[in-house]
């Protein structure tokens, strides 16, 4: 779960398929739709990358795993920027997370190397 400006954004695998329940708190609905927009952006970015990786070890990595790593990176950026006088905005952090994950994902010669690189990130 990522916290940004007092709101929590849940990764896709933790969110329910029904974002808004009758009688739910409107603030919670707003947070869920914000998280959903981030997930949609990440998902569409990853889907556009899939054609490039056909036939490689990367093709066997589930999209959910990649999304989770991107959310972890964004969460780390949010934590690191909390007490900074001029923190990056959320959109910039999302783009950095996507780009960083893509670079490691595409350049790693194997899944084991990718796991090792992310563990050291």
N, C-alpha and C. Protein backbone atom coordinates (compact mmCIF):
# COMPACT_ATOMS: atom_id res chain seq x y z
N UNK A 1 0.84 -1.16 0.00
CA UNK A 1 0.00 0.00 0.00
C UNK A 1 0.89 1.23 0.00
N UNK A 2 0.55 2.22 -0.82
CA UNK A 2 1.32 3.45 -0.93
C UNK A 2 0.52 4.57 -0.29
N UNK A 3 1.19 5.40 0.51
CA UNK A 3 0.54 6.54 1.12
C UNK A 3 1.05 7.80 0.44
N UNK A 4 0.13 8.63 -0.03
CA UNK A 4 0.48 9.89 -0.67
C UNK A 4 -0.45 10.97 -0.18
N UNK A 5 0.12 12.05 0.37
CA UNK A 5 -0.65 13.17 0.89
C UNK A 5 -1.80 12.71 1.77
N UNK A 6 -1.50 11.78 2.66
CA UNK A 6 -2.48 11.31 3.62
C UNK A 6 -3.45 10.26 3.08
N UNK A 7 -3.33 9.88 1.83
CA UNK A 7 -4.23 8.88 1.29
C UNK A 7 -3.46 7.61 0.96
N UNK A 8 -4.12 6.49 1.08
CA UNK A 8 -3.49 5.21 0.77
C UNK A 8 -3.94 4.75 -0.59
N UNK A 9 -2.99 4.29 -1.39
CA UNK A 9 -3.27 3.76 -2.72
C UNK A 9 -2.86 2.30 -2.69
N UNK A 10 -3.80 1.42 -2.97
CA UNK A 10 -3.52 -0.01 -2.90
C UNK A 10 -3.14 -0.55 -4.27
N UNK A 11 -2.13 -1.43 -4.33
CA UNK A 11 -1.82 -2.09 -5.59
C UNK A 11 -3.01 -2.90 -6.08
N UNK A 12 -3.03 -3.18 -7.37
CA UNK A 12 -4.16 -3.84 -8.02
C UNK A 12 -4.59 -5.12 -7.32
N UNK A 13 -3.65 -5.98 -6.95
CA UNK A 13 -4.02 -7.27 -6.37
C UNK A 13 -4.69 -7.13 -5.01
N UNK A 14 -4.60 -5.95 -4.37
CA UNK A 14 -5.21 -5.76 -3.07
C UNK A 14 -6.55 -5.06 -3.15
N UNK A 15 -6.89 -4.48 -4.30
CA UNK A 15 -8.15 -3.79 -4.43
C UNK A 15 -9.25 -4.74 -4.87
N UNK A 16 -10.46 -4.45 -4.41
CA UNK A 16 -11.60 -5.25 -4.85
C UNK A 16 -12.00 -4.81 -6.26
N UNK A 17 -12.75 -5.65 -6.94
CA UNK A 17 -13.20 -5.29 -8.28
C UNK A 17 -14.31 -4.25 -8.20
N UNK A 18 -15.01 -4.19 -7.08
CA UNK A 18 -16.06 -3.19 -6.88
C UNK A 18 -15.45 -2.02 -6.11
N UNK A 19 -15.07 -0.96 -6.81
CA UNK A 19 -14.39 0.17 -6.19
C UNK A 19 -15.30 0.97 -5.25
N UNK A 20 -16.54 1.13 -5.65
CA UNK A 20 -17.45 1.96 -4.85
C UNK A 20 -18.62 1.10 -4.39
N UNK A 21 -18.78 0.97 -3.07
CA UNK A 21 -19.88 0.22 -2.50
C UNK A 21 -20.97 1.18 -2.04
N UNK A 22 -22.24 0.78 -2.16
CA UNK A 22 -23.30 1.64 -1.66
C UNK A 22 -23.09 1.95 -0.19
N UNK A 23 -23.24 3.23 0.17
CA UNK A 23 -23.08 3.62 1.56
C UNK A 23 -21.63 3.77 1.98
N UNK A 24 -20.69 3.67 1.04
CA UNK A 24 -19.28 3.80 1.41
C UNK A 24 -18.91 5.26 1.61
N UNK A 25 -17.80 5.48 2.26
CA UNK A 25 -17.29 6.81 2.53
C UNK A 25 -16.82 7.42 1.21
N UNK A 26 -17.30 8.62 0.83
CA UNK A 26 -16.89 9.24 -0.44
C UNK A 26 -15.38 9.45 -0.52
N UNK A 27 -14.74 9.72 0.60
CA UNK A 27 -13.29 9.91 0.60
C UNK A 27 -12.59 8.61 0.20
N UNK A 28 -13.08 7.49 0.73
CA UNK A 28 -12.51 6.20 0.37
C UNK A 28 -12.69 5.93 -1.12
N UNK A 29 -13.85 6.29 -1.67
CA UNK A 29 -14.10 6.10 -3.09
C UNK A 29 -13.14 6.93 -3.92
N UNK A 30 -12.87 8.16 -3.50
CA UNK A 30 -11.93 9.03 -4.19
C UNK A 30 -10.53 8.42 -4.20
N UNK A 31 -10.11 7.89 -3.06
CA UNK A 31 -8.79 7.28 -2.96
C UNK A 31 -8.70 6.05 -3.87
N UNK A 32 -9.76 5.26 -3.89
CA UNK A 32 -9.77 4.05 -4.71
C UNK A 32 -9.69 4.41 -6.19
N UNK A 33 -10.43 5.46 -6.62
CA UNK A 33 -10.39 5.84 -8.03
C UNK A 33 -9.04 6.43 -8.40
N UNK A 34 -8.38 7.13 -7.46
CA UNK A 34 -7.04 7.66 -7.69
C UNK A 34 -6.06 6.50 -7.90
N UNK A 35 -6.14 5.51 -7.02
CA UNK A 35 -5.29 4.33 -7.14
C UNK A 35 -5.57 3.58 -8.43
N UNK A 36 -6.84 3.51 -8.81
CA UNK A 36 -7.23 2.83 -10.03
C UNK A 36 -6.65 3.53 -11.26
N UNK A 37 -6.63 4.85 -11.25
CA UNK A 37 -6.07 5.60 -12.37
C UNK A 37 -4.57 5.32 -12.50
N UNK A 38 -3.88 5.23 -11.38
CA UNK A 38 -2.45 4.90 -11.40
C UNK A 38 -2.26 3.50 -11.95
N UNK A 39 -3.06 2.56 -11.50
CA UNK A 39 -2.96 1.18 -11.98
C UNK A 39 -3.24 1.11 -13.48
N UNK A 40 -4.23 1.84 -13.94
CA UNK A 40 -4.55 1.83 -15.37
C UNK A 40 -3.38 2.36 -16.19
N UNK A 41 -2.74 3.42 -15.72
CA UNK A 41 -1.58 3.97 -16.41
C UNK A 41 -0.45 2.95 -16.47
N UNK A 42 -0.15 2.33 -15.34
CA UNK A 42 0.92 1.33 -15.28
C UNK A 42 0.57 0.13 -16.16
N UNK A 43 -0.66 -0.35 -16.06
CA UNK A 43 -1.09 -1.51 -16.84
C UNK A 43 -0.96 -1.24 -18.34
N UNK A 44 -1.43 -0.08 -18.80
CA UNK A 44 -1.36 0.22 -20.24
C UNK A 44 0.09 0.34 -20.70
N UNK A 45 0.94 0.91 -19.86
CA UNK A 45 2.36 1.01 -20.19
C UNK A 45 2.97 -0.38 -20.34
N UNK A 46 2.67 -1.27 -19.39
CA UNK A 46 3.21 -2.63 -19.46
C UNK A 46 2.66 -3.40 -20.65
N UNK A 47 1.39 -3.23 -20.96
CA UNK A 47 0.80 -3.92 -22.10
C UNK A 47 1.46 -3.48 -23.41
N UNK A 48 1.84 -2.22 -23.51
CA UNK A 48 2.51 -1.74 -24.71
C UNK A 48 3.92 -2.30 -24.84
N UNK A 49 4.51 -2.73 -23.75
CA UNK A 49 5.86 -3.28 -23.77
C UNK A 49 5.88 -4.77 -24.10
N UNK A 50 4.76 -5.47 -23.96
CA UNK A 50 4.73 -6.93 -24.09
C UNK A 50 5.17 -7.42 -25.46
N UNK A 51 4.85 -6.72 -26.53
CA UNK A 51 5.22 -7.18 -27.87
C UNK A 51 6.73 -7.24 -28.05
N UNK A 52 7.44 -6.35 -27.43
CA UNK A 52 8.90 -6.29 -27.55
C UNK A 52 9.55 -7.53 -26.95
N UNK A 53 8.94 -8.10 -25.92
CA UNK A 53 9.58 -9.15 -25.15
C UNK A 53 9.14 -10.57 -25.51
N UNK A 54 8.38 -10.72 -26.56
CA UNK A 54 7.88 -12.05 -26.94
C UNK A 54 9.04 -13.03 -27.16
N UNK A 55 8.93 -14.22 -26.57
CA UNK A 55 9.94 -15.26 -26.73
C UNK A 55 11.10 -15.21 -25.76
N UNK A 56 11.19 -14.20 -24.94
CA UNK A 56 12.28 -14.08 -23.98
C UNK A 56 11.83 -14.54 -22.59
N UNK A 57 12.76 -14.62 -21.64
CA UNK A 57 12.39 -15.01 -20.28
C UNK A 57 11.42 -13.98 -19.69
N UNK A 58 11.53 -12.73 -20.14
CA UNK A 58 10.66 -11.66 -19.62
C UNK A 58 9.18 -11.92 -19.94
N UNK A 59 8.93 -12.63 -21.03
CA UNK A 59 7.54 -12.89 -21.43
C UNK A 59 6.80 -13.76 -20.41
N UNK A 60 7.54 -14.52 -19.60
CA UNK A 60 6.90 -15.40 -18.62
C UNK A 60 6.62 -14.72 -17.29
N UNK A 61 7.06 -13.48 -17.12
CA UNK A 61 6.84 -12.76 -15.86
C UNK A 61 5.43 -12.17 -15.87
N UNK A 62 4.62 -12.51 -14.87
CA UNK A 62 3.24 -11.98 -14.82
C UNK A 62 3.22 -10.46 -14.69
N UNK A 63 2.27 -9.84 -15.37
CA UNK A 63 2.10 -8.40 -15.30
C UNK A 63 1.91 -7.93 -13.85
N UNK A 64 1.21 -8.72 -13.04
CA UNK A 64 0.97 -8.37 -11.63
C UNK A 64 2.29 -8.21 -10.87
N UNK A 65 3.26 -9.06 -11.17
CA UNK A 65 4.56 -8.97 -10.50
C UNK A 65 5.26 -7.66 -10.87
N UNK A 66 5.21 -7.32 -12.14
CA UNK A 66 5.83 -6.07 -12.58
C UNK A 66 5.12 -4.86 -11.97
N UNK A 67 3.80 -4.91 -11.93
CA UNK A 67 3.04 -3.81 -11.33
C UNK A 67 3.40 -3.66 -9.86
N UNK A 68 3.53 -4.78 -9.16
CA UNK A 68 3.89 -4.74 -7.75
C UNK A 68 5.24 -4.09 -7.54
N UNK A 69 6.19 -4.40 -8.42
CA UNK A 69 7.53 -3.79 -8.30
C UNK A 69 7.46 -2.29 -8.55
N UNK A 70 6.68 -1.89 -9.52
CA UNK A 70 6.54 -0.46 -9.81
C UNK A 70 5.90 0.24 -8.61
N UNK A 71 4.87 -0.35 -8.02
CA UNK A 71 4.24 0.24 -6.84
C UNK A 71 5.24 0.32 -5.69
N UNK A 72 6.08 -0.70 -5.53
CA UNK A 72 7.11 -0.66 -4.48
C UNK A 72 8.08 0.50 -4.72
N UNK A 73 8.47 0.70 -5.97
CA UNK A 73 9.38 1.80 -6.29
C UNK A 73 8.73 3.16 -6.01
N UNK A 74 7.48 3.30 -6.41
CA UNK A 74 6.75 4.55 -6.16
C UNK A 74 6.64 4.80 -4.66
N UNK A 75 6.33 3.75 -3.91
CA UNK A 75 6.23 3.88 -2.45
C UNK A 75 7.55 4.31 -1.84
N UNK A 76 8.65 3.76 -2.33
CA UNK A 76 9.97 4.16 -1.82
C UNK A 76 10.26 5.62 -2.14
N UNK A 77 9.89 6.05 -3.34
CA UNK A 77 10.08 7.45 -3.72
C UNK A 77 9.23 8.38 -2.84
N UNK A 78 8.00 7.97 -2.57
CA UNK A 78 7.13 8.77 -1.71
C UNK A 78 7.72 8.90 -0.30
N UNK A 79 8.21 7.79 0.23
CA UNK A 79 8.81 7.82 1.57
C UNK A 79 10.05 8.70 1.59
N UNK A 80 10.88 8.57 0.59
CA UNK A 80 12.12 9.33 0.54
C UNK A 80 11.86 10.83 0.39
N UNK A 81 10.74 11.20 -0.20
CA UNK A 81 10.48 12.62 -0.46
C UNK A 81 9.64 13.29 0.63
N UNK A 82 9.20 12.56 1.63
CA UNK A 82 8.29 13.12 2.63
C UNK A 82 8.80 14.39 3.30
N UNK A 83 10.05 14.44 3.67
CA UNK A 83 10.57 15.60 4.39
C UNK A 83 11.43 16.50 3.52
N UNK A 84 11.33 16.35 2.22
CA UNK A 84 12.11 17.17 1.30
C UNK A 84 11.40 18.50 1.07
N UNK A 85 12.16 19.59 0.97
CA UNK A 85 11.53 20.90 0.76
C UNK A 85 10.81 21.01 -0.59
N UNK A 86 11.33 20.33 -1.61
CA UNK A 86 10.71 20.36 -2.94
C UNK A 86 10.55 18.95 -3.47
N UNK A 87 9.61 18.17 -2.92
CA UNK A 87 9.47 16.78 -3.36
C UNK A 87 8.92 16.71 -4.79
N UNK A 88 9.23 15.61 -5.45
CA UNK A 88 8.67 15.36 -6.77
C UNK A 88 7.16 15.17 -6.64
N UNK A 89 6.43 15.51 -7.69
CA UNK A 89 4.99 15.24 -7.64
C UNK A 89 4.75 13.76 -7.96
N UNK A 90 3.57 13.29 -7.64
CA UNK A 90 3.23 11.88 -7.79
C UNK A 90 3.39 11.41 -9.23
N UNK A 91 2.96 12.21 -10.20
CA UNK A 91 3.08 11.81 -11.61
C UNK A 91 4.53 11.57 -12.00
N UNK A 92 5.43 12.42 -11.53
CA UNK A 92 6.86 12.25 -11.83
C UNK A 92 7.38 10.97 -11.18
N UNK A 93 6.94 10.69 -9.96
CA UNK A 93 7.37 9.47 -9.27
C UNK A 93 6.88 8.23 -10.01
N UNK A 94 5.67 8.27 -10.52
CA UNK A 94 5.13 7.15 -11.28
C UNK A 94 5.98 6.91 -12.52
N UNK A 95 6.31 7.97 -13.24
CA UNK A 95 7.13 7.83 -14.45
C UNK A 95 8.52 7.30 -14.12
N UNK A 96 9.12 7.75 -13.04
CA UNK A 96 10.43 7.25 -12.62
C UNK A 96 10.33 5.76 -12.29
N UNK A 97 9.30 5.37 -11.55
CA UNK A 97 9.11 3.96 -11.18
C UNK A 97 8.95 3.08 -12.40
N UNK A 98 8.15 3.51 -13.36
CA UNK A 98 7.92 2.74 -14.59
C UNK A 98 9.23 2.62 -15.37
N UNK A 99 9.93 3.73 -15.54
CA UNK A 99 11.16 3.72 -16.32
C UNK A 99 12.25 2.86 -15.68
N UNK A 100 12.39 2.98 -14.36
CA UNK A 100 13.41 2.21 -13.64
C UNK A 100 13.12 0.71 -13.73
N UNK A 101 11.86 0.33 -13.51
CA UNK A 101 11.49 -1.09 -13.60
C UNK A 101 11.75 -1.61 -15.00
N UNK A 102 11.38 -0.86 -16.01
CA UNK A 102 11.56 -1.27 -17.40
C UNK A 102 13.04 -1.47 -17.72
N UNK A 103 13.87 -0.56 -17.27
CA UNK A 103 15.31 -0.66 -17.55
C UNK A 103 15.90 -1.94 -16.96
N UNK A 104 15.60 -2.21 -15.70
CA UNK A 104 16.12 -3.42 -15.07
C UNK A 104 15.51 -4.66 -15.73
N UNK A 105 14.22 -4.63 -15.98
CA UNK A 105 13.51 -5.77 -16.56
C UNK A 105 14.09 -6.15 -17.93
N UNK A 106 14.31 -5.15 -18.78
CA UNK A 106 14.79 -5.42 -20.13
C UNK A 106 16.27 -5.76 -20.19
N UNK A 107 17.08 -5.18 -19.29
CA UNK A 107 18.53 -5.39 -19.35
C UNK A 107 19.01 -6.62 -18.60
N UNK A 108 18.18 -7.17 -17.72
CA UNK A 108 18.61 -8.34 -16.95
C UNK A 108 18.67 -9.57 -17.86
N UNK A 109 19.78 -10.30 -17.80
CA UNK A 109 19.90 -11.49 -18.66
C UNK A 109 19.06 -12.68 -18.19
N UNK A 110 18.59 -12.64 -16.93
CA UNK A 110 17.78 -13.74 -16.40
C UNK A 110 16.88 -13.22 -15.29
N UNK A 111 15.91 -14.04 -14.92
CA UNK A 111 15.01 -13.68 -13.81
C UNK A 111 15.78 -13.55 -12.51
N UNK A 112 16.75 -14.43 -12.29
CA UNK A 112 17.56 -14.37 -11.06
C UNK A 112 18.34 -13.06 -10.98
N UNK A 113 18.88 -12.61 -12.11
CA UNK A 113 19.61 -11.33 -12.13
C UNK A 113 18.66 -10.16 -11.86
N UNK A 114 17.47 -10.24 -12.43
CA UNK A 114 16.48 -9.18 -12.21
C UNK A 114 16.11 -9.11 -10.73
N UNK A 115 15.84 -10.27 -10.13
CA UNK A 115 15.49 -10.31 -8.70
C UNK A 115 16.62 -9.72 -7.85
N UNK A 116 17.85 -10.07 -8.19
CA UNK A 116 19.01 -9.56 -7.45
C UNK A 116 19.11 -8.03 -7.60
N UNK A 117 18.91 -7.53 -8.82
CA UNK A 117 18.99 -6.09 -9.06
C UNK A 117 17.92 -5.33 -8.30
N UNK A 118 16.71 -5.87 -8.24
CA UNK A 118 15.65 -5.21 -7.49
C UNK A 118 15.88 -5.28 -5.99
N UNK A 119 16.47 -6.35 -5.53
CA UNK A 119 16.76 -6.48 -4.10
C UNK A 119 17.77 -5.43 -3.66
N UNK A 120 18.65 -5.02 -4.56
CA UNK A 120 19.66 -4.02 -4.24
C UNK A 120 19.21 -2.60 -4.53
N UNK A 121 18.03 -2.45 -5.15
CA UNK A 121 17.55 -1.11 -5.53
C UNK A 121 17.09 -0.32 -4.33
